[in-house]
Amino acid sequence: MDGNYTRFLPQRLVRATGMLLLDVPVTVSLWRYIRRCRFEPHRVGGLGAGRERVKWDMIHHIAVVTPRNRRRYDALADTSALPTIKLTSRNAIDAFYRDERLDLAGVSSGIAVDR
């Protein structure tokens, strides 16, 4: 699962078998968002025929809301009985893909699910 739908997180974690926590710096998240919108119209997981546009609401969410969520997710990971992997950089994300032999076909380096 991915996303910031914290209202449904408890129900989702009951069924989870592990937790993968992406905790990259805000600047990385902002750059990845802008890059997706401006330069990757046909990316894996994109909107298909639609094109994502840079929106101030999303920039605010990444810069202001996400850091609060990250603190909550970090605390949740510390108290959860689920096996947890925390990735804190693009290099760590890329290494995880390589180590787990995940298919990167069609996915740019460092593109993983944003929180």
PDB file of N, CA and C in Angstrom:
ATOM      1  N   MET A   1       0.851  -1.173   0.000  1.00  0.00           N
ATOM      2  CA  MET A   1       0.000   0.000   0.000  1.00  0.00           C
ATOM      3  C   MET A   1       0.884   1.218   0.000  1.00  0.00           C
ATOM      4  N   ASP A   2       0.346   2.301  -0.387  1.00  0.00           N
ATOM      5  CA  ASP A   2       1.119   3.532  -0.364  1.00  0.00           C
ATOM      6  C   ASP A   2       0.185   4.693  -0.105  1.00  0.00           C
ATOM      7  N   GLY A   3       0.771   5.821   0.131  1.00  0.00           N
ATOM      8  CA  GLY A   3      -0.027   7.020   0.265  1.00  0.00           C
ATOM      9  C   GLY A   3      -0.090   7.544   1.675  1.00  0.00           C
ATOM     10  N   ASN A   4      -0.845   8.611   1.825  1.00  0.00           N
ATOM     11  CA  ASN A   4      -0.975   9.302   3.099  1.00  0.00           C
ATOM     12  C   ASN A   4      -2.392   9.184   3.648  1.00  0.00           C
ATOM     13  N   TYR A   5      -3.017   8.073   3.425  1.00  0.00           N
ATOM     14  CA  TYR A   5      -4.390   7.887   3.883  1.00  0.00           C
ATOM     15  C   TYR A   5      -4.381   7.339   5.304  1.00  0.00           C
ATOM     16  N   THR A   6      -3.949   8.169   6.233  1.00  0.00           N
ATOM     17  CA  THR A   6      -3.732   7.709   7.596  1.00  0.00           C
ATOM     18  C   THR A   6      -5.017   7.289   8.293  1.00  0.00           C
ATOM     19  N   ARG A   7      -6.132   7.786   7.849  1.00  0.00           N
ATOM     20  CA  ARG A   7      -7.400   7.416   8.471  1.00  0.00           C
ATOM     21  C   ARG A   7      -7.650   5.913   8.349  1.00  0.00           C
ATOM     22  N   PHE A   8      -7.168   5.320   7.266  1.00  0.00           N
ATOM     23  CA  PHE A   8      -7.382   3.898   7.029  1.00  0.00           C
ATOM     24  C   PHE A   8      -6.162   3.047   7.375  1.00  0.00           C
ATOM     25  N   LEU A   9      -5.131   3.658   7.903  1.00  0.00           N
ATOM     26  CA  LEU A   9      -3.907   2.932   8.175  1.00  0.00           C
ATOM     27  C   LEU A   9      -4.079   1.769   9.155  1.00  0.00           C
ATOM     28  N   PRO A  10      -4.793   1.928  10.263  1.00  0.00           N
ATOM     29  CA  PRO A  10      -4.927   0.793  11.175  1.00  0.00           C
ATOM     30  C   PRO A  10      -5.550  -0.454  10.520  1.00  0.00           C
ATOM     31  N   GLN A  11      -6.593  -0.250   9.712  1.00  0.00           N
ATOM     32  CA  GLN A  11      -7.227  -1.389   9.039  1.00  0.00           C
ATOM     33  C   GLN A  11      -6.263  -2.028   8.036  1.00  0.00           C
ATOM     34  N   ARG A  12      -5.452  -1.221   7.400  1.00  0.00           N
ATOM     35  CA  ARG A  12      -4.527  -1.737   6.402  1.00  0.00           C
ATOM     36  C   ARG A  12      -3.362  -2.466   7.062  1.00  0.00           C
ATOM     37  N   LEU A  13      -2.878  -1.956   8.185  1.00  0.00           N
ATOM     38  CA  LEU A  13      -1.741  -2.588   8.852  1.00  0.00           C
ATOM     39  C   LEU A  13      -2.096  -3.948   9.445  1.00  0.00           C
ATOM     40  N   VAL A  14      -3.349  -4.141   9.797  1.00  0.00           N
ATOM     41  CA  VAL A  14      -3.781  -5.444  10.317  1.00  0.00           C
ATOM     42  C   VAL A  14      -3.512  -6.548   9.290  1.00  0.00           C
ATOM     43  N   ARG A  15      -3.645  -6.203   8.009  1.00  0.00           N
ATOM     44  CA  ARG A  15      -3.458  -7.183   6.936  1.00  0.00           C
ATOM     45  C   ARG A  15      -2.042  -7.182   6.369  1.00  0.00           C
ATOM     46  N   ALA A  16      -1.217  -6.234   6.799  1.00  0.00           N
ATOM     47  CA  ALA A  16       0.134  -6.101   6.248  1.00  0.00           C
ATOM     48  C   ALA A  16       1.051  -7.201   6.783  1.00  0.00           C
ATOM     49  N   THR A  17       2.046  -7.527   5.995  1.00  0.00           N
ATOM     50  CA  THR A  17       3.051  -8.509   6.409  1.00  0.00           C
ATOM     51  C   THR A  17       4.389  -7.841   6.700  1.00  0.00           C
ATOM     52  N   GLY A  18       4.493  -6.549   6.421  1.00  0.00           N
ATOM     53  CA  GLY A  18       5.709  -5.804   6.679  1.00  0.00           C
ATOM     54  C   GLY A  18       5.493  -4.348   6.343  1.00  0.00           C
ATOM     55  N   MET A  19       6.492  -3.534   6.682  1.00  0.00           N
ATOM     56  CA  MET A  19       6.373  -2.103   6.444  1.00  0.00           C
ATOM     57  C   MET A  19       7.654  -1.624   5.758  1.00  0.00           C
ATOM     58  N   LEU A  20       7.472  -0.900   4.669  1.00  0.00           N
ATOM     59  CA  LEU A  20       8.574  -0.267   3.957  1.00  0.00           C
ATOM     60  C   LEU A  20       8.367   1.227   4.081  1.00  0.00           C
ATOM     61  N   LEU A  21       9.223   1.873   4.836  1.00  0.00           N
ATOM     62  CA  LEU A  21       9.062   3.287   5.151  1.00  0.00           C
ATOM     63  C   LEU A  21      10.046   4.100   4.322  1.00  0.00           C
ATOM     64  N   LEU A  22       9.523   4.927   3.402  1.00  0.00           N
ATOM     65  CA  LEU A  22      10.360   5.817   2.600  1.00  0.00           C
ATOM     66  C   LEU A  22      10.449   7.149   3.330  1.00  0.00           C
ATOM     67  N   ASP A  23      11.640   7.538   3.695  1.00  0.00           N
ATOM     68  CA  ASP A  23      11.830   8.750   4.487  1.00  0.00           C
ATOM     69  C   ASP A  23      12.927   9.601   3.867  1.00  0.00           C
ATOM     70  N   VAL A  24      12.702  10.018   2.624  1.00  0.00           N
ATOM     71  CA  VAL A  24      13.682  10.850   1.926  1.00  0.00           C
ATOM     72  C   VAL A  24      13.462  12.306   2.298  1.00  0.00           C
ATOM     73  N   PRO A  25      14.483  13.148   2.140  1.00  0.00           N
ATOM     74  CA  PRO A  25      14.328  14.576   2.475  1.00  0.00           C
ATOM     75  C   PRO A  25      13.222  15.245   1.650  1.00  0.00           C
ATOM     76  N   VAL A  26      12.636  16.282   2.212  1.00  0.00           N
ATOM     77  CA  VAL A  26      11.578  17.041   1.539  1.00  0.00           C
ATOM     78  C   VAL A  26      12.048  17.537   0.178  1.00  0.00           C
ATOM     79  N   THR A  27      13.289  17.988   0.098  1.00  0.00           N
ATOM     80  CA  THR A  27      13.793  18.493  -1.181  1.00  0.00           C
ATOM     81  C   THR A  27      13.766  17.411  -2.255  1.00  0.00           C
ATOM     82  N   VAL A  28      14.077  16.183  -1.875  1.00  0.00           N
ATOM     83  CA  VAL A  28      14.030  15.067  -2.830  1.00  0.00           C
ATOM     84  C   VAL A  28      12.586  14.818  -3.260  1.00  0.00           C
ATOM     85  N   SER A  29      11.673  14.814  -2.312  1.00  0.00           N
ATOM     86  CA  SER A  29      10.258  14.602  -2.647  1.00  0.00           C
ATOM     87  C   SER A  29       9.733  15.691  -3.561  1.00  0.00           C
ATOM     88  N   LEU A  30      10.084  16.945  -3.288  1.00  0.00           N
ATOM     89  CA  LEU A  30       9.638  18.051  -4.142  1.00  0.00           C
ATOM     90  C   LEU A  30      10.202  17.906  -5.549  1.00  0.00           C
ATOM     91  N   TRP A  31      11.491  17.613  -5.652  1.00  0.00           N
ATOM     92  CA  TRP A  31      12.096  17.448  -6.972  1.00  0.00           C
ATOM     93  C   TRP A  31      11.436  16.295  -7.723  1.00  0.00           C
ATOM     94  N   ARG A  32      11.190  15.168  -7.056  1.00  0.00           N
ATOM     95  CA  ARG A  32      10.570  14.019  -7.718  1.00  0.00           C
ATOM     96  C   ARG A  32       9.171  14.364  -8.200  1.00  0.00           C
ATOM     97  N   TYR A  33       8.421  15.131  -7.402  1.00  0.00           N
ATOM     98  CA  TYR A  33       7.071  15.546  -7.805  1.00  0.00           C
ATOM     99  C   TYR A  33       7.131  16.425  -9.052  1.00  0.00           C
ATOM    100  N   ILE A  34       7.991  17.428  -9.021  1.00  0.00           N
ATOM    101  CA  ILE A  34       8.102  18.330 -10.177  1.00  0.00           C
ATOM    102  C   ILE A  34       8.593  17.562 -11.404  1.00  0.00           C
ATOM    103  N   ARG A  35       9.557  16.689 -11.202  1.00  0.00           N
ATOM    104  CA  ARG A  35      10.068  15.895 -12.327  1.00  0.00           C
ATOM    105  C   ARG A  35       8.971  15.032 -12.935  1.00  0.00           C
ATOM    106  N   ARG A  36       8.177  14.381 -12.094  1.00  0.00           N
ATOM    107  CA  ARG A  36       7.069  13.550 -12.600  1.00  0.00           C
ATOM    108  C   ARG A  36       6.100  14.377 -13.430  1.00  0.00           C
ATOM    109  N   CYS A  37       5.753  15.545 -12.907  1.00  0.00           N
ATOM    110  CA  CYS A  37       4.764  16.390 -13.591  1.00  0.00           C
ATOM    111  C   CYS A  37       5.290  16.961 -14.895  1.00  0.00           C
ATOM    112  N   ARG A  38       6.523  17.400 -14.909  1.00  0.00           N
ATOM    113  CA  ARG A  38       7.055  18.125 -16.060  1.00  0.00           C
ATOM    114  C   ARG A  38       7.749  17.242 -17.090  1.00  0.00           C
ATOM    115  N   PHE A  39       8.399  16.175 -16.645  1.00  0.00           N
ATOM    116  CA  PHE A  39       9.293  15.455 -17.543  1.00  0.00           C
ATOM    117  C   PHE A  39       8.968  13.978 -17.751  1.00  0.00           C
ATOM    118  N   GLU A  40       7.967  13.449 -17.057  1.00  0.00           N
ATOM    119  CA  GLU A  40       7.664  12.019 -17.171  1.00  0.00           C
ATOM    120  C   GLU A  40       6.175  11.789 -17.438  1.00  0.00           C
ATOM    121  N   PRO A  41       5.680  12.265 -18.572  1.00  0.00           N
ATOM    122  CA  PRO A  41       4.242  12.146 -18.833  1.00  0.00           C
ATOM    123  C   PRO A  41       3.763  10.703 -19.003  1.00  0.00           C
ATOM    124  N   HIS A  42       4.639   9.794 -19.356  1.00  0.00           N
ATOM    125  CA  HIS A  42       4.229   8.406 -19.597  1.00  0.00           C
ATOM    126  C   HIS A  42       4.911   7.445 -18.636  1.00  0.00           C
ATOM    127  N   ARG A  43       5.136   7.884 -17.411  1.00  0.00           N
ATOM    128  CA  ARG A  43       5.842   7.052 -16.443  1.00  0.00           C
ATOM    129  C   ARG A  43       4.972   5.891 -15.965  1.00  0.00           C
ATOM    130  N   VAL A  44       5.624   4.850 -15.463  1.00  0.00           N
ATOM    131  CA  VAL A  44       4.920   3.730 -14.851  1.00  0.00           C
ATOM    132  C   VAL A  44       4.156   4.258 -13.643  1.00  0.00           C
ATOM    133  N   GLY A  45       2.876   3.935 -13.538  1.00  0.00           N
ATOM    134  CA  GLY A  45       2.056   4.405 -12.429  1.00  0.00           C
ATOM    135  C   GLY A  45       1.472   5.784 -12.649  1.00  0.00           C
ATOM    136  N   GLY A  46       1.687   6.348 -13.827  1.00  0.00           N
ATOM    137  CA  GLY A  46       1.159   7.674 -14.134  1.00  0.00           C
ATOM    138  C   GLY A  46      -0.337   7.650 -14.399  1.00  0.00           C
ATOM    139  N   LEU A  47      -0.844   8.752 -14.843  1.00  0.00           N
ATOM    140  CA  LEU A  47      -2.281   8.896 -15.050  1.00  0.00           C
ATOM    141  C   LEU A  47      -2.755   8.461 -16.431  1.00  0.00           C
ATOM    142  N   GLY A  48      -1.945   7.711 -17.147  1.00  0.00           N
ATOM    143  CA  GLY A  48      -2.355   7.247 -18.472  1.00  0.00           C
ATOM    144  C   GLY A  48      -2.404   8.397 -19.448  1.00  0.00           C
ATOM    145  N   ALA A  49      -3.585   8.663 -19.980  1.00  0.00           N
ATOM    146  CA  ALA A  49      -3.738   9.715 -20.984  1.00  0.00           C
ATOM    147  C   ALA A  49      -3.645  11.106 -20.361  1.00  0.00           C
ATOM    148  N   GLY A  50      -3.890  11.211 -19.067  1.00  0.00           N
ATOM    149  CA  GLY A  50      -3.823  12.509 -18.408  1.00  0.00           C
ATOM    150  C   GLY A  50      -2.391  12.913 -18.126  1.00  0.00           C
ATOM    151  N   ARG A  51      -2.196  14.174 -17.856  1.00  0.00           N
ATOM    152  CA  ARG A  51      -0.868  14.662 -17.505  1.00  0.00           C
ATOM    153  C   ARG A  51      -0.944  15.334 -16.147  1.00  0.00           C
ATOM    154  N   GLU A  52      -0.040  14.925 -15.265  1.00  0.00           N
ATOM    155  CA  GLU A  52       0.000  15.558 -13.959  1.00  0.00           C
ATOM    156  C   GLU A  52       0.510  16.985 -14.112  1.00  0.00           C
ATOM    157  N   ARG A  53      -0.054  17.890 -13.330  1.00  0.00           N
ATOM    158  CA  ARG A  53       0.377  19.284 -13.342  1.00  0.00           C
ATOM    159  C   ARG A  53       0.889  19.654 -11.954  1.00  0.00           C
ATOM    160  N   VAL A  54       1.870  20.525 -11.920  1.00  0.00           N
ATOM    161  CA  VAL A  54       2.384  21.026 -10.645  1.00  0.00           C
ATOM    162  C   VAL A  54       1.294  21.869  -9.998  1.00  0.00           C
ATOM    163  N   LYS A  55       0.960  21.538  -8.768  1.00  0.00           N
ATOM    164  CA  LYS A  55      -0.100  22.249  -8.042  1.00  0.00           C
ATOM    165  C   LYS A  55       0.442  22.737  -6.703  1.00  0.00           C
ATOM    166  N   TRP A  56       0.086  23.973  -6.343  1.00  0.00           N
ATOM    167  CA  TRP A  56       0.539  24.534  -5.073  1.00  0.00           C
ATOM    168  C   TRP A  56       0.054  23.713  -3.893  1.00  0.00           C
ATOM    169  N   ASP A  57      -1.166  23.159  -3.975  1.00  0.00           N
ATOM    170  CA  ASP A  57      -1.676  22.332  -2.874  1.00  0.00           C
ATOM    171  C   ASP A  57      -0.770  21.128  -2.627  1.00  0.00           C
ATOM    172  N   MET A  58      -0.288  20.534  -3.696  1.00  0.00           N
ATOM    173  CA  MET A  58       0.593  19.368  -3.555  1.00  0.00           C
ATOM    174  C   MET A  58       1.963  19.789  -3.024  1.00  0.00           C
ATOM    175  N   ILE A  59       2.469  20.916  -3.494  1.00  0.00           N
ATOM    176  CA  ILE A  59       3.743  21.419  -2.969  1.00  0.00           C
ATOM    177  C   ILE A  59       3.619  21.676  -1.467  1.00  0.00           C
ATOM    178  N   HIS A  60       2.517  22.299  -1.058  1.00  0.00           N
ATOM    179  CA  HIS A  60       2.262  22.522   0.374  1.00  0.00           C
ATOM    180  C   HIS A  60       2.194  21.196   1.120  1.00  0.00           C
ATOM    181  N   HIS A  61       1.509  20.228   0.555  1.00  0.00           N
ATOM    182  CA  HIS A  61       1.386  18.927   1.206  1.00  0.00           C
ATOM    183  C   HIS A  61       2.775  18.299   1.412  1.00  0.00           C
ATOM    184  N   ILE A  62       3.596  18.319   0.370  1.00  0.00           N
ATOM    185  CA  ILE A  62       4.932  17.717   0.464  1.00  0.00           C
ATOM    186  C   ILE A  62       5.802  18.473   1.468  1.00  0.00           C
ATOM    187  N   ALA A  63       5.754  19.806   1.431  1.00  0.00           N
ATOM    188  CA  ALA A  63       6.655  20.624   2.248  1.00  0.00           C
ATOM    189  C   ALA A  63       6.197  20.792   3.693  1.00  0.00           C
ATOM    190  N   VAL A  64       4.881  20.757   3.939  1.00  0.00           N
ATOM    191  CA  VAL A  64       4.366  21.063   5.279  1.00  0.00           C
ATOM    192  C   VAL A  64       3.722  19.841   5.949  1.00  0.00           C
ATOM    193  N   VAL A  65       2.827  19.179   5.243  1.00  0.00           N
ATOM    194  CA  VAL A  65       2.074  18.069   5.841  1.00  0.00           C
ATOM    195  C   VAL A  65       2.928  16.808   5.963  1.00  0.00           C
ATOM    196  N   THR A  66       3.662  16.486   4.907  1.00  0.00           N
ATOM    197  CA  THR A  66       4.433  15.248   4.890  1.00  0.00           C
ATOM    198  C   THR A  66       5.437  15.142   6.038  1.00  0.00           C
ATOM    199  N   PRO A  67       6.172  16.208   6.394  1.00  0.00           N
ATOM    200  CA  PRO A  67       7.096  16.059   7.535  1.00  0.00           C
ATOM    201  C   PRO A  67       6.394  15.642   8.831  1.00  0.00           C
ATOM    202  N   ARG A  68       5.180  16.135   9.071  1.00  0.00           N
ATOM    203  CA  ARG A  68       4.423  15.698  10.265  1.00  0.00           C
ATOM    204  C   ARG A  68       4.062  14.224  10.150  1.00  0.00           C
ATOM    205  N   ASN A  69       3.619  13.826   8.950  1.00  0.00           N
ATOM    206  CA  ASN A  69       3.271  12.424   8.745  1.00  0.00           C
ATOM    207  C   ASN A  69       4.486  11.526   8.938  1.00  0.00           C
ATOM    208  N   ARG A  70       5.631  11.982   8.470  1.00  0.00           N
ATOM    209  CA  ARG A  70       6.841  11.175   8.605  1.00  0.00           C
ATOM    210  C   ARG A  70       7.160  10.895  10.058  1.00  0.00           C
ATOM    211  N   ARG A  71       6.993  11.875  10.917  1.00  0.00           N
ATOM    212  CA  ARG A  71       7.238  11.654  12.350  1.00  0.00           C
ATOM    213  C   ARG A  71       6.275  10.607  12.904  1.00  0.00           C
ATOM    214  N   ARG A  72       5.013  10.670  12.488  1.00  0.00           N
ATOM    215  CA  ARG A  72       4.035   9.670  12.948  1.00  0.00           C
ATOM    216  C   ARG A  72       4.376   8.286  12.418  1.00  0.00           C
ATOM    217  N   TYR A  73       4.726   8.203  11.130  1.00  0.00           N
ATOM    218  CA  TYR A  73       5.070   6.910  10.537  1.00  0.00           C
ATOM    219  C   TYR A  73       6.322   6.325  11.192  1.00  0.00           C
ATOM    220  N   ASP A  74       7.280   7.177  11.493  1.00  0.00           N
ATOM    221  CA  ASP A  74       8.504   6.724  12.149  1.00  0.00           C
ATOM    222  C   ASP A  74       8.183   6.152  13.530  1.00  0.00           C
ATOM    223  N   ALA A  75       7.336   6.855  14.287  1.00  0.00           N
ATOM    224  CA  ALA A  75       6.932   6.357  15.608  1.00  0.00           C
ATOM    225  C   ALA A  75       6.154   5.056  15.480  1.00  0.00           C
ATOM    226  N   LEU A  76       5.294   4.966  14.473  1.00  0.00           N
ATOM    227  CA  LEU A  76       4.530   3.743  14.243  1.00  0.00           C
ATOM    228  C   LEU A  76       5.462   2.577  13.929  1.00  0.00           C
ATOM    229  N   ALA A  77       6.457   2.828  13.092  1.00  0.00           N
ATOM    230  CA  ALA A  77       7.409   1.775  12.741  1.00  0.00           C
ATOM    231  C   ALA A  77       8.183   1.303  13.976  1.00  0.00           C
ATOM    232  N   ASP A  78       8.516   2.236  14.854  1.00  0.00           N
ATOM    233  CA  ASP A  78       9.259   1.885  16.069  1.00  0.00           C
ATOM    234  C   ASP A  78       8.442   1.022  17.024  1.00  0.00           C
ATOM    235  N   THR A  79       7.116   1.170  17.012  1.00  0.00           N
ATOM    236  CA  THR A  79       6.273   0.434  17.954  1.00  0.00           C
ATOM    237  C   THR A  79       5.566  -0.762  17.325  1.00  0.00           C
ATOM    238  N   SER A  80       5.676  -0.894  16.018  1.00  0.00           N
ATOM    239  CA  SER A  80       4.980  -1.973  15.317  1.00  0.00           C
ATOM    240  C   SER A  80       5.734  -3.294  15.454  1.00  0.00           C
ATOM    241  N   ALA A  81       4.971  -4.370  15.487  1.00  0.00           N
ATOM    242  CA  ALA A  81       5.576  -5.704  15.496  1.00  0.00           C
ATOM    243  C   ALA A  81       5.914  -6.164  14.078  1.00  0.00           C
ATOM    244  N   LEU A  82       5.496  -5.405  13.073  1.00  0.00           N
ATOM    245  CA  LEU A  82       5.767  -5.770  11.687  1.00  0.00           C
ATOM    246  C   LEU A  82       7.249  -5.607  11.365  1.00  0.00           C
ATOM    247  N   PRO A  83       7.781  -6.501  10.538  1.00  0.00           N
ATOM    248  CA  PRO A  83       9.138  -6.263  10.049  1.00  0.00           C
ATOM    249  C   PRO A  83       9.145  -4.958   9.258  1.00  0.00           C
ATOM    250  N   THR A  84      10.137  -4.101   9.510  1.00  0.00           N
ATOM    251  CA  THR A  84      10.168  -2.779   8.899  1.00  0.00           C
ATOM    252  C   THR A  84      11.519  -2.504   8.261  1.00  0.00           C
ATOM    253  N   ILE A  85      11.470  -1.936   7.067  1.00  0.00           N
ATOM    254  CA  ILE A  85      12.667  -1.462   6.375  1.00  0.00           C
ATOM    255  C   ILE A  85      12.472   0.024   6.156  1.00  0.00           C
ATOM    256  N   LYS A  86      13.455   0.822   6.578  1.00  0.00           N
ATOM    257  CA  LYS A  86      13.386   2.265   6.417  1.00  0.00           C
ATOM    258  C   LYS A  86      14.444   2.685   5.394  1.00  0.00           C
ATOM    259  N   LEU A  87      13.989   3.357   4.343  1.00  0.00           N
ATOM    260  CA  LEU A  87      14.877   3.827   3.280  1.00  0.00           C
ATOM    261  C   LEU A  87      14.911   5.350   3.328  1.00  0.00           C
ATOM    262  N   THR A  88      16.105   5.919   3.484  1.00  0.00           N
ATOM    263  CA  THR A  88      16.212   7.354   3.735  1.00  0.00           C
ATOM    264  C   THR A  88      16.892   8.139   2.622  1.00  0.00           C
ATOM    265  N   SER A  89      17.133   7.502   1.467  1.00  0.00           N
ATOM    266  CA  SER A  89      17.763   8.224   0.364  1.00  0.00           C
ATOM    267  C   SER A  89      17.422   7.537  -0.955  1.00  0.00           C
ATOM    268  N   ARG A  90      17.662   8.240  -2.042  1.00  0.00           N
ATOM    269  CA  ARG A  90      17.477   7.629  -3.369  1.00  0.00           C
ATOM    270  C   ARG A  90      18.412   6.443  -3.533  1.00  0.00           C
ATOM    271  N   ASN A  91      19.638   6.571  -3.036  1.00  0.00           N
ATOM    272  CA  ASN A  91      20.582   5.456  -3.136  1.00  0.00           C
ATOM    273  C   ASN A  91      20.083   4.234  -2.383  1.00  0.00           C
ATOM    274  N   ALA A  92      19.498   4.449  -1.218  1.00  0.00           N
ATOM    275  CA  ALA A  92      18.956   3.330  -0.443  1.00  0.00           C
ATOM    276  C   ALA A  92      17.781   2.680  -1.172  1.00  0.00           C
ATOM    277  N   ILE A  93      16.950   3.487  -1.812  1.00  0.00           N
ATOM    278  CA  ILE A  93      15.815   2.959  -2.579  1.00  0.00           C
ATOM    279  C   ILE A  93      16.327   2.142  -3.760  1.00  0.00           C
ATOM    280  N   ASP A  94      17.301   2.698  -4.488  1.00  0.00           N
ATOM    281  CA  ASP A  94      17.876   1.975  -5.621  1.00  0.00           C
ATOM    282  C   ASP A  94      18.513   0.663  -5.171  1.00  0.00           C
ATOM    283  N   ALA A  95      19.245   0.697  -4.061  1.00  0.00           N
ATOM    284  CA  ALA A  95      19.882  -0.520  -3.544  1.00  0.00           C
ATOM    285  C   ALA A  95      18.832  -1.556  -3.150  1.00  0.00           C
ATOM    286  N   PHE A  96      17.729  -1.105  -2.556  1.00  0.00           N
ATOM    287  CA  PHE A  96      16.655  -2.028  -2.185  1.00  0.00           C
ATOM    288  C   PHE A  96      16.089  -2.719  -3.424  1.00  0.00           C
ATOM    289  N   TYR A  97      15.844  -1.940  -4.476  1.00  0.00           N
ATOM    290  CA  TYR A  97      15.364  -2.529  -5.734  1.00  0.00           C
ATOM    291  C   TYR A  97      16.338  -3.592  -6.232  1.00  0.00           C
ATOM    292  N   ARG A  98      17.637  -3.256  -6.234  1.00  0.00           N
ATOM    293  CA  ARG A  98      18.649  -4.224  -6.703  1.00  0.00           C
ATOM    294  C   ARG A  98      18.686  -5.459  -5.811  1.00  0.00           C
ATOM    295  N   ASP A  99      18.747  -5.246  -4.494  1.00  0.00           N
ATOM    296  CA  ASP A  99      18.865  -6.366  -3.548  1.00  0.00           C
ATOM    297  C   ASP A  99      17.675  -7.308  -3.613  1.00  0.00           C
ATOM    298  N   GLU A 100      16.505  -6.761  -3.821  1.00  0.00           N
ATOM    299  CA  GLU A 100      15.290  -7.579  -3.871  1.00  0.00           C
ATOM    300  C   GLU A 100      14.974  -8.064  -5.283  1.00  0.00           C
ATOM    301  N   ARG A 101      15.839  -7.707  -6.222  1.00  0.00           N
ATOM    302  CA  ARG A 101      15.672  -8.103  -7.629  1.00  0.00           C
ATOM    303  C   ARG A 101      14.310  -7.654  -8.182  1.00  0.00           C
ATOM    304  N   LEU A 102      13.929  -6.442  -7.819  1.00  0.00           N
ATOM    305  CA  LEU A 102      12.675  -5.881  -8.316  1.00  0.00           C
ATOM    306  C   LEU A 102      12.893  -5.351  -9.717  1.00  0.00           C
ATOM    307  N   ASP A 103      11.895  -5.453 -10.536  1.00  0.00           N
ATOM    308  CA  ASP A 103      11.983  -5.045 -11.933  1.00  0.00           C
ATOM    309  C   ASP A 103      11.935  -3.527 -12.034  1.00  0.00           C
ATOM    310  N   LEU A 104      12.986  -2.962 -12.575  1.00  0.00           N
ATOM    311  CA  LEU A 104      13.041  -1.514 -12.763  1.00  0.00           C
ATOM    312  C   LEU A 104      12.730  -1.116 -14.191  1.00  0.00           C
ATOM    313  N   ALA A 105      12.283  -2.051 -15.021  1.00  0.00           N
ATOM    314  CA  ALA A 105      11.987  -1.744 -16.423  1.00  0.00           C
ATOM    315  C   ALA A 105      10.943  -0.637 -16.496  1.00  0.00           C
ATOM    316  N   GLY A 106      11.274   0.420 -17.196  1.00  0.00           N
ATOM    317  CA  GLY A 106      10.336   1.520 -17.372  1.00  0.00           C
ATOM    318  C   GLY A 106      10.261   2.468 -16.199  1.00  0.00           C
ATOM    319  N   VAL A 107      11.078   2.235 -15.174  1.00  0.00           N
ATOM    320  CA  VAL A 107      11.066   3.087 -14.008  1.00  0.00           C
ATOM    321  C   VAL A 107      12.398   3.807 -13.914  1.00  0.00           C
ATOM    322  N   SER A 108      12.363   5.130 -13.809  1.00  0.00           N
ATOM    323  CA  SER A 108      13.604   5.907 -13.686  1.00  0.00           C
ATOM    324  C   SER A 108      14.256   5.635 -12.342  1.00  0.00           C
ATOM    325  N   SER A 109      15.528   5.833 -12.263  1.00  0.00           N
ATOM    326  CA  SER A 109      16.280   5.627 -11.036  1.00  0.00           C
ATOM    327  C   SER A 109      15.676   6.438  -9.900  1.00  0.00           C
ATOM    328  N   GLY A 110      15.468   5.779  -8.766  1.00  0.00           N
ATOM    329  CA  GLY A 110      14.965   6.472  -7.584  1.00  0.00           C
ATOM    330  C   GLY A 110      13.465   6.639  -7.559  1.00  0.00           C
ATOM    331  N   ILE A 111      12.762   6.175  -8.588  1.00  0.00           N
ATOM    332  CA  ILE A 111      11.307   6.323  -8.587  1.00  0.00           C
ATOM    333  C   ILE A 111      10.728   5.157  -7.801  1.00  0.00           C
ATOM    334  N   ALA A 112      10.202   5.457  -6.680  1.00  0.00           N
ATOM    335  CA  ALA A 112       9.505   4.479  -5.867  1.00  0.00           C
ATOM    336  C   ALA A 112       8.264   5.185  -5.367  1.00  0.00           C
ATOM    337  N   VAL A 113       7.487   4.516  -4.596  1.00  0.00           N
ATOM    338  CA  VAL A 113       6.236   5.106  -4.120  1.00  0.00           C
ATOM    339  C   VAL A 113       6.532   6.204  -3.124  1.00  0.00           C
ATOM    340  N   ASP A 114       6.021   7.385  -3.386  1.00  0.00           N
ATOM    341  CA  ASP A 114       6.181   8.515  -2.463  1.00  0.00           C
ATOM    342  C   ASP A 114       5.195   8.391  -1.334  1.00  0.00           C
ATOM    343  N   ARG A 115       5.661   8.908  -0.150  1.00  0.00           N
ATOM    344  CA  ARG A 115       4.722   8.991   0.946  1.00  0.00           C
ATOM    345  C   ARG A 115       4.152  10.368   0.942  1.00  0.00           C
TER     346      ARG A 115
END
